[in-house]
């Protein structure tokens, strides 16, 4: 975590805000004392496998193979 003075942040705000949007976090200081943190927004973390959104046997997640007629209709066979 990088420490940045408020005066430097003021002059280079565009660069620091872009870096924060890309995941970096900064401690903003005045006279060497921390004032606030500039950080990317928190994003919800989903555990898809345990949330019930995706469930069942992974072997059932795939589609069955195409039939010869389906492949011909796609112009593949």
Foldseek 3Di string as FASTA:
>chain_A
DAEEEPVVCVVVVVVVLVVQCVFDKYFYDHPPHGDDMRHHDDDDDDDCDPPPVDDDDPVVVDDDDDDPVVCVVVVND
